[in-house]
N, C-alpha and C. Protein backbone atom coordinates (compact mmCIF):
# COMPACT_ATOMS: atom_id res chain seq x y z
N MET A 1 -49.82 85.52 0.18
CA MET A 1 -50.14 84.34 -0.64
C MET A 1 -50.28 83.13 0.29
N SER A 2 -51.27 82.30 -0.01
CA SER A 2 -51.48 81.10 0.80
C SER A 2 -50.40 80.07 0.51
N SER A 3 -49.93 79.41 1.54
CA SER A 3 -48.94 78.35 1.37
C SER A 3 -49.44 77.10 2.04
N GLY A 4 -48.64 76.06 1.99
CA GLY A 4 -49.07 74.77 2.50
C GLY A 4 -48.98 74.65 4.00
N CYS A 5 -48.50 73.51 4.47
CA CYS A 5 -48.48 73.22 5.90
C CYS A 5 -47.26 73.89 6.55
N ARG A 6 -47.29 75.21 6.66
CA ARG A 6 -46.19 75.95 7.25
C ARG A 6 -46.58 76.42 8.65
N LEU A 7 -45.69 76.18 9.60
CA LEU A 7 -45.95 76.55 10.99
C LEU A 7 -45.46 77.98 11.21
N ASN A 8 -46.37 78.95 11.14
CA ASN A 8 -46.01 80.33 11.38
C ASN A 8 -46.68 80.81 12.67
N LEU A 9 -46.52 82.10 13.00
CA LEU A 9 -47.04 82.62 14.26
C LEU A 9 -48.55 82.48 14.39
N PRO A 10 -49.36 82.83 13.37
CA PRO A 10 -50.81 82.63 13.50
C PRO A 10 -51.19 81.18 13.77
N ASN A 11 -50.50 80.25 13.11
CA ASN A 11 -50.79 78.83 13.33
C ASN A 11 -50.38 78.37 14.73
N ILE A 12 -49.28 78.94 15.25
CA ILE A 12 -48.84 78.62 16.61
C ILE A 12 -49.87 79.10 17.62
N VAL A 13 -50.42 80.29 17.38
CA VAL A 13 -51.46 80.83 18.27
C VAL A 13 -52.68 79.92 18.24
N THR A 14 -53.06 79.46 17.05
CA THR A 14 -54.21 78.56 16.93
C THR A 14 -53.95 77.24 17.64
N LEU A 15 -52.74 76.69 17.48
CA LEU A 15 -52.39 75.45 18.17
C LEU A 15 -52.41 75.62 19.69
N ALA A 16 -51.99 76.79 20.15
CA ALA A 16 -52.03 77.06 21.58
C ALA A 16 -53.47 77.09 22.09
N ARG A 17 -54.38 77.64 21.26
CA ARG A 17 -55.80 77.66 21.64
C ARG A 17 -56.36 76.24 21.74
N ILE A 18 -55.92 75.38 20.84
CA ILE A 18 -56.35 73.98 20.89
C ILE A 18 -55.79 73.31 22.13
N ALA A 19 -54.53 73.61 22.46
CA ALA A 19 -53.85 72.96 23.58
C ALA A 19 -54.49 73.29 24.92
N ILE A 20 -55.04 74.50 25.07
CA ILE A 20 -55.62 74.88 26.37
C ILE A 20 -57.05 74.38 26.54
N CYS A 21 -57.63 73.83 25.50
CA CYS A 21 -59.02 73.38 25.58
C CYS A 21 -59.27 72.33 26.67
N PRO A 22 -58.41 71.31 26.83
CA PRO A 22 -58.64 70.36 27.93
C PRO A 22 -58.61 71.02 29.31
N VAL A 23 -57.68 71.97 29.49
CA VAL A 23 -57.60 72.69 30.76
C VAL A 23 -58.86 73.50 30.98
N LEU A 24 -59.31 74.16 29.94
CA LEU A 24 -60.52 74.98 30.03
C LEU A 24 -61.72 74.12 30.38
N CYS A 25 -61.83 72.96 29.77
CA CYS A 25 -62.94 72.05 30.06
C CYS A 25 -62.93 71.65 31.54
N PHE A 26 -61.75 71.34 32.07
CA PHE A 26 -61.62 70.96 33.49
C PHE A 26 -62.04 72.11 34.40
N LEU A 27 -61.62 73.34 34.08
CA LEU A 27 -61.94 74.49 34.91
C LEU A 27 -63.43 74.82 34.89
N VAL A 28 -64.06 74.67 33.73
CA VAL A 28 -65.49 74.95 33.62
C VAL A 28 -66.30 73.99 34.48
N ILE A 29 -65.90 72.73 34.48
CA ILE A 29 -66.66 71.71 35.20
C ILE A 29 -66.37 71.73 36.71
N ALA A 30 -65.25 72.36 37.10
CA ALA A 30 -64.87 72.41 38.51
C ALA A 30 -65.86 73.26 39.30
N GLN A 31 -65.96 73.02 40.61
CA GLN A 31 -66.93 73.71 41.44
C GLN A 31 -66.33 74.83 42.28
N GLY A 32 -65.02 74.92 42.37
CA GLY A 32 -64.38 75.96 43.16
C GLY A 32 -64.52 77.33 42.52
N THR A 33 -64.66 78.35 43.33
CA THR A 33 -64.80 79.72 42.82
C THR A 33 -63.55 80.14 42.05
N GLY A 34 -62.38 79.82 42.60
CA GLY A 34 -61.14 80.18 41.92
C GLY A 34 -61.02 79.53 40.56
N ALA A 35 -61.40 78.26 40.47
CA ALA A 35 -61.34 77.54 39.19
C ALA A 35 -62.29 78.17 38.18
N ARG A 36 -63.43 78.64 38.66
CA ARG A 36 -64.42 79.23 37.76
C ARG A 36 -63.96 80.59 37.25
N TYR A 37 -63.32 81.37 38.12
CA TYR A 37 -62.73 82.62 37.63
C TYR A 37 -61.63 82.31 36.61
N GLY A 38 -60.87 81.25 36.89
CA GLY A 38 -59.84 80.83 35.95
C GLY A 38 -60.42 80.43 34.60
N ALA A 39 -61.57 79.75 34.63
CA ALA A 39 -62.24 79.35 33.39
C ALA A 39 -62.65 80.57 32.59
N PHE A 40 -63.18 81.57 33.27
CA PHE A 40 -63.58 82.80 32.58
C PHE A 40 -62.38 83.48 31.95
N GLY A 41 -61.30 83.62 32.72
CA GLY A 41 -60.10 84.27 32.20
C GLY A 41 -59.49 83.54 31.03
N LEU A 42 -59.45 82.21 31.12
CA LEU A 42 -58.86 81.40 30.04
C LEU A 42 -59.74 81.44 28.79
N PHE A 43 -61.06 81.49 29.00
CA PHE A 43 -61.97 81.58 27.85
C PHE A 43 -61.79 82.91 27.12
N VAL A 44 -61.68 84.00 27.89
CA VAL A 44 -61.45 85.31 27.28
C VAL A 44 -60.15 85.30 26.49
N LEU A 45 -59.11 84.70 27.06
CA LEU A 45 -57.82 84.60 26.38
C LEU A 45 -57.95 83.81 25.07
N ALA A 46 -58.69 82.70 25.12
CA ALA A 46 -58.88 81.89 23.92
C ALA A 46 -59.67 82.65 22.86
N ALA A 47 -60.70 83.37 23.28
CA ALA A 47 -61.52 84.14 22.33
C ALA A 47 -60.70 85.25 21.68
N LEU A 48 -59.87 85.92 22.48
CA LEU A 48 -59.02 86.99 21.93
C LEU A 48 -57.97 86.41 20.99
N SER A 49 -57.47 85.23 21.29
CA SER A 49 -56.46 84.61 20.42
C SER A 49 -57.05 84.27 19.06
N ASP A 50 -58.35 83.97 19.04
CA ASP A 50 -59.02 83.68 17.77
C ASP A 50 -59.03 84.92 16.88
N VAL A 51 -59.27 86.07 17.50
CA VAL A 51 -59.25 87.32 16.74
C VAL A 51 -57.82 87.66 16.32
N TRP A 52 -56.88 87.42 17.24
CA TRP A 52 -55.49 87.81 16.99
C TRP A 52 -54.86 86.99 15.88
N ASP A 53 -55.07 85.66 15.88
CA ASP A 53 -54.40 84.86 14.85
C ASP A 53 -54.94 85.18 13.46
N GLY A 54 -56.25 85.47 13.38
CA GLY A 54 -56.81 85.87 12.09
C GLY A 54 -56.25 87.19 11.62
N HIS A 55 -56.10 88.14 12.56
CA HIS A 55 -55.54 89.45 12.22
C HIS A 55 -54.10 89.32 11.74
N LEU A 56 -53.31 88.51 12.44
CA LEU A 56 -51.91 88.31 12.06
C LEU A 56 -51.80 87.68 10.67
N ALA A 57 -52.64 86.69 10.42
CA ALA A 57 -52.57 85.98 9.14
C ALA A 57 -52.89 86.92 7.98
N ARG A 58 -53.91 87.77 8.17
CA ARG A 58 -54.30 88.68 7.09
C ARG A 58 -53.31 89.83 6.94
N LYS A 59 -52.88 90.40 8.06
CA LYS A 59 -51.99 91.57 8.02
C LYS A 59 -50.65 91.24 7.40
N HIS A 60 -50.09 90.09 7.76
CA HIS A 60 -48.75 89.72 7.30
C HIS A 60 -48.77 88.70 6.16
N ASP A 61 -49.94 88.51 5.58
CA ASP A 61 -50.09 87.60 4.44
C ASP A 61 -49.53 86.22 4.76
N ARG A 62 -49.99 85.69 5.89
CA ARG A 62 -49.54 84.38 6.34
C ARG A 62 -50.68 83.37 6.41
N ILE A 63 -51.60 83.48 5.50
CA ILE A 63 -52.70 82.53 5.42
C ILE A 63 -52.19 81.26 4.78
N THR A 64 -52.30 80.15 5.50
CA THR A 64 -51.79 78.87 5.00
C THR A 64 -52.90 77.83 4.97
N ASP A 65 -52.63 76.75 4.24
CA ASP A 65 -53.59 75.64 4.21
C ASP A 65 -53.76 75.05 5.60
N MET A 66 -52.65 75.00 6.36
CA MET A 66 -52.73 74.50 7.72
C MET A 66 -53.65 75.36 8.56
N GLY A 67 -53.52 76.67 8.42
CA GLY A 67 -54.37 77.59 9.17
C GLY A 67 -55.83 77.45 8.81
N LYS A 68 -56.10 77.23 7.52
CA LYS A 68 -57.49 77.07 7.08
C LYS A 68 -58.14 75.84 7.70
N LEU A 69 -57.34 74.83 7.99
CA LEU A 69 -57.86 73.62 8.62
C LEU A 69 -57.93 73.75 10.15
N LEU A 70 -56.89 74.34 10.73
CA LEU A 70 -56.80 74.41 12.19
C LEU A 70 -57.78 75.39 12.80
N ASP A 71 -57.96 76.55 12.18
CA ASP A 71 -58.77 77.60 12.80
C ASP A 71 -60.22 77.19 13.02
N PRO A 72 -60.93 76.67 12.00
CA PRO A 72 -62.31 76.24 12.26
C PRO A 72 -62.39 75.06 13.23
N PHE A 73 -61.38 74.18 13.20
CA PHE A 73 -61.35 73.07 14.16
C PHE A 73 -61.22 73.61 15.58
N ALA A 74 -60.32 74.59 15.77
CA ALA A 74 -60.12 75.19 17.10
C ALA A 74 -61.40 75.88 17.58
N ASP A 75 -62.10 76.54 16.69
CA ASP A 75 -63.34 77.23 17.06
C ASP A 75 -64.39 76.24 17.54
N LYS A 76 -64.56 75.15 16.79
CA LYS A 76 -65.57 74.15 17.15
C LYS A 76 -65.18 73.41 18.43
N LEU A 77 -63.88 73.15 18.59
CA LEU A 77 -63.42 72.48 19.81
C LEU A 77 -63.67 73.36 21.03
N LEU A 78 -63.42 74.65 20.89
CA LEU A 78 -63.66 75.59 21.99
C LEU A 78 -65.14 75.61 22.36
N LEU A 79 -66.00 75.58 21.37
CA LEU A 79 -67.44 75.56 21.62
C LEU A 79 -67.83 74.31 22.40
N VAL A 80 -67.28 73.17 22.01
CA VAL A 80 -67.62 71.90 22.67
C VAL A 80 -67.14 71.87 24.11
N VAL A 81 -65.87 72.26 24.35
CA VAL A 81 -65.29 72.11 25.68
C VAL A 81 -65.82 73.14 26.68
N VAL A 82 -66.56 74.13 26.18
CA VAL A 82 -67.17 75.11 27.08
C VAL A 82 -68.68 74.88 27.19
N PHE A 83 -69.36 74.73 26.07
CA PHE A 83 -70.82 74.64 26.09
C PHE A 83 -71.30 73.35 26.76
N VAL A 84 -70.66 72.24 26.44
CA VAL A 84 -71.10 70.97 27.03
C VAL A 84 -70.89 70.95 28.55
N PRO A 85 -69.72 71.35 29.07
CA PRO A 85 -69.59 71.42 30.52
C PRO A 85 -70.57 72.39 31.17
N LEU A 86 -70.86 73.51 30.52
CA LEU A 86 -71.85 74.44 31.07
C LEU A 86 -73.23 73.78 31.15
N TYR A 87 -73.53 72.96 30.16
CA TYR A 87 -74.79 72.21 30.19
C TYR A 87 -74.82 71.29 31.40
N VAL A 88 -73.70 70.61 31.65
CA VAL A 88 -73.61 69.70 32.80
C VAL A 88 -73.76 70.48 34.10
N VAL A 89 -73.06 71.59 34.22
CA VAL A 89 -73.11 72.40 35.44
C VAL A 89 -74.53 72.90 35.69
N SER A 90 -75.22 73.30 34.63
CA SER A 90 -76.57 73.85 34.78
C SER A 90 -77.57 72.82 35.28
N HIS A 91 -77.22 71.53 35.18
CA HIS A 91 -78.12 70.47 35.64
C HIS A 91 -77.76 69.97 37.04
N ARG A 92 -76.77 70.59 37.66
CA ARG A 92 -76.47 70.24 39.04
C ARG A 92 -77.55 70.79 39.96
N LEU A 93 -77.67 70.18 41.13
CA LEU A 93 -78.68 70.61 42.10
C LEU A 93 -78.38 72.02 42.60
N GLY A 94 -79.44 72.80 42.80
CA GLY A 94 -79.28 74.15 43.32
C GLY A 94 -79.52 75.20 42.27
N ASP A 95 -80.31 76.20 42.63
CA ASP A 95 -80.61 77.28 41.69
C ASP A 95 -79.36 78.05 41.27
N VAL A 96 -78.34 78.05 42.12
CA VAL A 96 -77.12 78.79 41.81
C VAL A 96 -76.44 78.25 40.55
N ASN A 97 -76.72 77.00 40.20
CA ASN A 97 -76.12 76.39 39.00
C ASN A 97 -76.96 76.58 37.75
N HIS A 98 -78.15 77.08 37.90
CA HIS A 98 -79.04 77.24 36.75
C HIS A 98 -78.66 78.45 35.91
N VAL A 99 -79.02 78.39 34.65
CA VAL A 99 -78.79 79.52 33.75
C VAL A 99 -79.90 80.54 33.97
N PRO A 100 -79.58 81.79 34.22
CA PRO A 100 -80.60 82.81 34.47
C PRO A 100 -81.70 82.82 33.42
N PHE A 101 -82.94 82.79 33.87
CA PHE A 101 -84.16 82.82 33.04
C PHE A 101 -84.38 81.52 32.26
N TRP A 102 -83.45 80.58 32.31
CA TRP A 102 -83.57 79.34 31.56
C TRP A 102 -83.61 78.12 32.47
N GLY A 103 -83.03 78.23 33.66
CA GLY A 103 -82.91 77.07 34.53
C GLY A 103 -81.86 76.12 33.99
N PRO A 104 -82.00 74.82 34.22
CA PRO A 104 -81.09 73.86 33.58
C PRO A 104 -81.22 73.98 32.06
N LEU A 105 -80.10 74.03 31.36
CA LEU A 105 -80.16 74.19 29.91
C LEU A 105 -80.97 73.06 29.29
N PRO A 106 -82.01 73.38 28.53
CA PRO A 106 -82.83 72.35 27.89
C PRO A 106 -82.01 71.54 26.88
N ASP A 107 -82.35 70.28 26.72
CA ASP A 107 -81.65 69.42 25.76
C ASP A 107 -81.73 69.97 24.34
N TRP A 108 -82.88 70.58 24.02
CA TRP A 108 -83.06 71.05 22.64
C TRP A 108 -82.09 72.18 22.29
N VAL A 109 -81.58 72.88 23.31
CA VAL A 109 -80.61 73.94 23.05
C VAL A 109 -79.33 73.33 22.48
N LEU A 110 -78.88 72.22 23.07
CA LEU A 110 -77.70 71.53 22.55
C LEU A 110 -77.95 71.00 21.14
N VAL A 111 -79.17 70.49 20.92
CA VAL A 111 -79.51 69.97 19.59
C VAL A 111 -79.42 71.07 18.55
N VAL A 112 -79.94 72.25 18.87
CA VAL A 112 -79.91 73.38 17.93
C VAL A 112 -78.48 73.84 17.69
N ILE A 113 -77.71 74.05 18.77
CA ILE A 113 -76.35 74.57 18.64
C ILE A 113 -75.45 73.63 17.87
N PHE A 114 -75.42 72.36 18.29
CA PHE A 114 -74.49 71.42 17.67
C PHE A 114 -75.06 70.77 16.41
N GLY A 115 -76.37 70.68 16.33
CA GLY A 115 -76.99 70.18 15.10
C GLY A 115 -76.66 71.08 13.93
N ARG A 116 -76.71 72.39 14.17
CA ARG A 116 -76.37 73.35 13.12
C ARG A 116 -74.92 73.20 12.69
N GLU A 117 -74.00 73.04 13.67
CA GLU A 117 -72.58 72.92 13.34
C GLU A 117 -72.32 71.68 12.51
N VAL A 118 -72.92 70.57 12.89
CA VAL A 118 -72.73 69.33 12.14
C VAL A 118 -73.31 69.46 10.73
N PHE A 119 -74.50 70.02 10.64
CA PHE A 119 -75.16 70.15 9.34
C PHE A 119 -74.36 71.03 8.39
N ILE A 120 -73.91 72.20 8.88
CA ILE A 120 -73.17 73.11 8.02
C ILE A 120 -71.82 72.53 7.63
N THR A 121 -71.18 71.80 8.54
CA THR A 121 -69.91 71.17 8.22
C THR A 121 -70.08 70.15 7.10
N VAL A 122 -71.11 69.33 7.21
CA VAL A 122 -71.39 68.34 6.16
C VAL A 122 -71.77 69.04 4.86
N PHE A 123 -72.56 70.09 4.95
CA PHE A 123 -72.98 70.84 3.76
C PHE A 123 -71.77 71.47 3.07
N ARG A 124 -70.83 72.00 3.84
CA ARG A 124 -69.61 72.60 3.27
C ARG A 124 -68.80 71.54 2.53
N GLN A 125 -68.65 70.38 3.14
CA GLN A 125 -67.87 69.32 2.50
C GLN A 125 -68.55 68.85 1.22
N TRP A 126 -69.87 68.75 1.28
CA TRP A 126 -70.64 68.34 0.10
C TRP A 126 -70.49 69.36 -1.03
N ALA A 127 -70.53 70.66 -0.66
CA ALA A 127 -70.37 71.72 -1.65
C ALA A 127 -68.96 71.74 -2.23
N GLN A 128 -67.96 71.47 -1.38
CA GLN A 128 -66.58 71.47 -1.84
C GLN A 128 -66.33 70.38 -2.86
N GLN A 129 -67.00 69.25 -2.70
CA GLN A 129 -66.87 68.17 -3.67
C GLN A 129 -67.43 68.57 -5.03
N ARG A 130 -68.28 69.59 -5.02
CA ARG A 130 -68.85 70.11 -6.27
C ARG A 130 -68.17 71.39 -6.73
N GLY A 131 -67.01 71.65 -6.14
CA GLY A 131 -66.20 72.78 -6.57
C GLY A 131 -66.60 74.12 -6.00
N VAL A 132 -67.42 74.13 -4.96
CA VAL A 132 -67.87 75.39 -4.36
C VAL A 132 -67.35 75.48 -2.93
N VAL A 133 -66.62 76.55 -2.65
CA VAL A 133 -66.09 76.77 -1.31
C VAL A 133 -67.01 77.75 -0.58
N ILE A 134 -67.56 77.30 0.53
CA ILE A 134 -68.47 78.15 1.31
C ILE A 134 -67.68 78.81 2.43
N ALA A 135 -67.48 80.11 2.29
CA ALA A 135 -66.74 80.86 3.30
C ALA A 135 -67.68 81.29 4.42
N ALA A 136 -67.08 81.65 5.55
CA ALA A 136 -67.89 82.13 6.67
C ALA A 136 -68.56 83.44 6.30
N GLY A 137 -69.88 83.51 6.50
CA GLY A 137 -70.64 84.70 6.16
C GLY A 137 -70.86 85.58 7.38
N LYS A 138 -71.49 86.72 7.17
CA LYS A 138 -71.74 87.66 8.26
C LYS A 138 -72.66 87.05 9.32
N SER A 139 -73.66 86.30 8.87
CA SER A 139 -74.60 85.71 9.83
C SER A 139 -73.90 84.65 10.68
N GLY A 140 -72.97 83.91 10.07
CA GLY A 140 -72.23 82.91 10.83
C GLY A 140 -71.31 83.54 11.85
N LYS A 141 -70.69 84.66 11.47
CA LYS A 141 -69.81 85.36 12.41
C LYS A 141 -70.61 85.98 13.55
N ALA A 142 -71.80 86.50 13.23
CA ALA A 142 -72.67 87.07 14.27
C ALA A 142 -73.12 85.98 15.23
N LYS A 143 -73.41 84.81 14.70
CA LYS A 143 -73.80 83.66 15.53
C LYS A 143 -72.69 83.29 16.50
N ALA A 144 -71.47 83.21 15.97
CA ALA A 144 -70.32 82.85 16.79
C ALA A 144 -70.07 83.88 17.88
N LEU A 145 -70.25 85.15 17.56
CA LEU A 145 -70.07 86.22 18.54
C LEU A 145 -71.11 86.11 19.66
N ALA A 146 -72.36 85.88 19.29
CA ALA A 146 -73.42 85.76 20.29
C ALA A 146 -73.18 84.56 21.20
N GLN A 147 -72.75 83.45 20.62
CA GLN A 147 -72.45 82.26 21.43
C GLN A 147 -71.30 82.54 22.40
N SER A 148 -70.28 83.23 21.93
CA SER A 148 -69.14 83.55 22.78
C SER A 148 -69.54 84.49 23.92
N LEU A 149 -70.38 85.47 23.61
CA LEU A 149 -70.84 86.40 24.64
C LEU A 149 -71.64 85.67 25.71
N PHE A 150 -72.49 84.74 25.28
CA PHE A 150 -73.26 83.96 26.25
C PHE A 150 -72.35 83.12 27.14
N MET A 151 -71.44 82.38 26.52
CA MET A 151 -70.57 81.50 27.29
C MET A 151 -69.69 82.30 28.25
N GLY A 152 -69.14 83.40 27.76
CA GLY A 152 -68.30 84.23 28.62
C GLY A 152 -69.08 84.83 29.78
N ALA A 153 -70.30 85.29 29.50
CA ALA A 153 -71.12 85.89 30.55
C ALA A 153 -71.51 84.87 31.61
N LEU A 154 -71.85 83.66 31.17
CA LEU A 154 -72.24 82.62 32.13
C LEU A 154 -71.03 82.15 32.94
N LEU A 155 -69.87 82.08 32.30
CA LEU A 155 -68.65 81.70 33.02
C LEU A 155 -68.29 82.72 34.10
N LEU A 156 -68.63 83.98 33.86
CA LEU A 156 -68.40 85.02 34.87
C LEU A 156 -69.50 85.03 35.92
N TRP A 157 -70.73 84.72 35.51
CA TRP A 157 -71.87 84.75 36.42
C TRP A 157 -71.71 83.76 37.57
N TYR A 158 -71.29 82.57 37.27
CA TYR A 158 -71.18 81.53 38.30
C TYR A 158 -70.25 81.94 39.46
N PRO A 159 -69.00 82.33 39.20
CA PRO A 159 -68.15 82.69 40.34
C PRO A 159 -68.56 83.99 41.02
N LEU A 160 -69.16 84.91 40.25
CA LEU A 160 -69.61 86.16 40.86
C LEU A 160 -70.71 85.90 41.89
N VAL A 161 -71.62 85.00 41.55
CA VAL A 161 -72.69 84.66 42.50
C VAL A 161 -72.10 84.04 43.76
N SER A 162 -71.15 83.13 43.58
CA SER A 162 -70.51 82.50 44.73
C SER A 162 -69.79 83.53 45.60
N THR A 163 -69.10 84.47 44.96
CA THR A 163 -68.41 85.53 45.70
C THR A 163 -69.40 86.42 46.44
N ALA A 164 -70.52 86.73 45.78
CA ALA A 164 -71.53 87.58 46.40
C ALA A 164 -72.11 86.93 47.66
N VAL A 165 -72.32 85.62 47.60
CA VAL A 165 -72.86 84.90 48.76
C VAL A 165 -71.82 84.86 49.88
N GLU A 166 -70.57 84.56 49.53
CA GLU A 166 -69.51 84.44 50.53
C GLU A 166 -69.25 85.76 51.25
N ARG A 167 -69.36 86.87 50.52
CA ARG A 167 -69.01 88.18 51.10
C ARG A 167 -70.23 88.99 51.54
N GLY A 168 -71.39 88.41 51.44
CA GLY A 168 -72.58 89.08 51.90
C GLY A 168 -73.08 90.20 51.00
N TRP A 169 -72.70 90.17 49.74
CA TRP A 169 -73.14 91.22 48.82
C TRP A 169 -74.63 91.12 48.49
N THR A 170 -75.20 89.95 48.69
CA THR A 170 -76.57 89.71 48.25
C THR A 170 -77.60 90.61 48.94
N VAL A 171 -77.21 91.20 50.07
CA VAL A 171 -78.15 92.09 50.78
C VAL A 171 -77.98 93.54 50.33
N SER A 172 -77.03 93.81 49.46
CA SER A 172 -76.76 95.18 49.00
C SER A 172 -77.62 95.52 47.79
N ALA A 173 -78.05 96.77 47.73
CA ALA A 173 -78.87 97.23 46.62
C ALA A 173 -78.08 97.20 45.31
N TRP A 174 -76.79 97.58 45.39
CA TRP A 174 -76.00 97.62 44.16
C TRP A 174 -75.84 96.23 43.55
N TRP A 175 -75.74 95.21 44.43
CA TRP A 175 -75.65 93.85 43.90
C TRP A 175 -76.96 93.44 43.23
N GLY A 176 -78.07 93.86 43.81
CA GLY A 176 -79.36 93.54 43.21
C GLY A 176 -79.48 94.07 41.80
N VAL A 177 -79.00 95.31 41.60
CA VAL A 177 -79.04 95.92 40.26
C VAL A 177 -78.07 95.21 39.32
N LEU A 178 -76.85 94.99 39.81
CA LEU A 178 -75.84 94.32 38.98
C LEU A 178 -76.28 92.91 38.60
N ALA A 179 -76.82 92.18 39.58
CA ALA A 179 -77.27 90.82 39.31
C ALA A 179 -78.39 90.79 38.28
N LEU A 180 -79.29 91.76 38.36
CA LEU A 180 -80.40 91.83 37.40
C LEU A 180 -79.87 92.07 35.99
N VAL A 181 -78.90 92.98 35.88
CA VAL A 181 -78.31 93.29 34.56
C VAL A 181 -77.59 92.07 34.00
N LEU A 182 -76.80 91.41 34.85
CA LEU A 182 -76.04 90.24 34.39
C LEU A 182 -76.97 89.08 34.03
N ARG A 183 -78.02 88.89 34.83
CA ARG A 183 -78.97 87.83 34.54
C ARG A 183 -79.64 88.06 33.18
N ALA A 184 -80.02 89.30 32.96
CA ALA A 184 -80.68 89.64 31.69
C ALA A 184 -79.72 89.45 30.52
N PHE A 185 -78.44 89.80 30.74
CA PHE A 185 -77.45 89.66 29.67
C PHE A 185 -77.21 88.19 29.34
N VAL A 186 -77.05 87.37 30.37
CA VAL A 186 -76.82 85.94 30.14
C VAL A 186 -78.01 85.30 29.43
N GLY A 187 -79.20 85.53 29.98
CA GLY A 187 -80.39 84.94 29.37
C GLY A 187 -80.66 85.47 27.98
N GLY A 188 -80.42 86.77 27.79
CA GLY A 188 -80.69 87.39 26.49
C GLY A 188 -79.72 86.96 25.41
N THR A 189 -78.43 86.85 25.76
CA THR A 189 -77.45 86.44 24.75
C THR A 189 -77.68 85.00 24.30
N LEU A 190 -78.16 84.15 25.19
CA LEU A 190 -78.47 82.78 24.78
C LEU A 190 -79.62 82.78 23.78
N LEU A 191 -80.64 83.59 24.04
CA LEU A 191 -81.77 83.68 23.12
C LEU A 191 -81.30 84.19 21.76
N VAL A 192 -80.50 85.24 21.77
CA VAL A 192 -79.97 85.80 20.52
C VAL A 192 -79.11 84.76 19.79
N ALA A 193 -78.28 84.04 20.54
CA ALA A 193 -77.42 83.03 19.93
C ALA A 193 -78.24 81.94 19.24
N LEU A 194 -79.32 81.52 19.88
CA LEU A 194 -80.17 80.48 19.29
C LEU A 194 -80.85 80.97 18.02
N VAL A 195 -81.35 82.20 18.06
CA VAL A 195 -82.00 82.77 16.88
C VAL A 195 -81.01 82.88 15.73
N LEU A 196 -79.80 83.39 16.03
CA LEU A 196 -78.79 83.55 14.98
C LEU A 196 -78.26 82.20 14.49
N THR A 197 -78.26 81.20 15.36
CA THR A 197 -77.83 79.86 14.95
C THR A 197 -78.75 79.31 13.87
N VAL A 198 -80.05 79.44 14.10
CA VAL A 198 -81.03 78.97 13.12
C VAL A 198 -80.99 79.85 11.87
N TYR A 199 -80.94 81.16 12.08
CA TYR A 199 -80.95 82.09 10.94
C TYR A 199 -79.73 81.89 10.04
N SER A 200 -78.55 81.72 10.66
CA SER A 200 -77.33 81.56 9.86
C SER A 200 -77.39 80.30 9.01
N MET A 201 -77.98 79.23 9.54
CA MET A 201 -78.12 78.01 8.77
C MET A 201 -79.04 78.23 7.57
N ILE A 202 -80.16 78.89 7.81
CA ILE A 202 -81.09 79.20 6.72
C ILE A 202 -80.42 80.12 5.69
N ASP A 203 -79.63 81.08 6.20
CA ASP A 203 -78.94 82.03 5.32
C ASP A 203 -77.96 81.31 4.41
N TYR A 204 -77.19 80.37 4.96
CA TYR A 204 -76.24 79.61 4.15
C TYR A 204 -76.98 78.79 3.08
N LEU A 205 -78.04 78.13 3.50
CA LEU A 205 -78.79 77.30 2.56
C LEU A 205 -79.40 78.13 1.44
N TRP A 206 -79.91 79.30 1.80
CA TRP A 206 -80.54 80.16 0.79
C TRP A 206 -79.49 80.74 -0.15
N SER A 207 -78.33 81.13 0.41
CA SER A 207 -77.28 81.72 -0.41
C SER A 207 -76.72 80.73 -1.42
N TYR A 208 -76.74 79.44 -1.06
CA TYR A 208 -76.19 78.41 -1.95
C TYR A 208 -77.28 77.44 -2.40
N ARG A 209 -78.49 77.98 -2.55
CA ARG A 209 -79.64 77.16 -2.93
C ARG A 209 -79.48 76.52 -4.30
N SER A 210 -78.66 77.14 -5.16
CA SER A 210 -78.47 76.56 -6.50
C SER A 210 -77.81 75.19 -6.45
N LEU A 211 -77.08 74.92 -5.35
CA LEU A 211 -76.41 73.62 -5.21
C LEU A 211 -77.42 72.48 -5.07
N VAL A 212 -78.57 72.79 -4.52
CA VAL A 212 -79.58 71.76 -4.33
C VAL A 212 -80.72 71.87 -5.36
N GLY A 213 -80.44 72.65 -6.41
CA GLY A 213 -81.39 72.73 -7.52
C GLY A 213 -82.54 73.67 -7.34
N VAL A 214 -82.44 74.59 -6.34
CA VAL A 214 -83.52 75.56 -6.12
C VAL A 214 -83.28 76.77 -7.01
N ARG A 215 -84.27 77.19 -7.75
CA ARG A 215 -84.16 78.34 -8.63
C ARG A 215 -85.04 79.48 -8.12
N ASP A 216 -84.62 80.71 -8.45
CA ASP A 216 -85.42 81.88 -8.06
C ASP A 216 -86.72 81.93 -8.83
């Protein structure tokens, strides 16, 4: 049963995810190889904690009003403190900082990613004022997964490239194959994330079209 502002284990996990966001932002923007590996590890930990706190809340019936507010806030905060610094890093001088197949992240990518988040947040609040609660749908969850895969892959790509250069791996055939696979994964997941970002917004609007007076 849902309760009010109760601090239970799932909520503590969510608060911990919020607390590490400033550290994660610093590590992402840092230029040292060690810091970048740290950013990747901390991001994976944060992503897993998102799955874990939801599992705990559902399994032990500890869904609270506090959790309903904190969890989406933590998700959006994590997106901001990782995606925005990655955008900054991608615009630094040197091809090593560019996003594979994309180069410096285009401005319109940020507009699509964060424009959708702002729009859906406002739309949810508007719907709630009319007595309709819009829950996260499958398309929204798929979008979030694709975004996380892209961010995680790019966070790993940066330090791996630096390590490859430092240790002379770049002349090895195995590195050439691995680099090609990783480059394709990073570039591909960003494309998928953008498509799902737009699709999920359209899906939400279509699913709740009656709110804006659209009839079949």
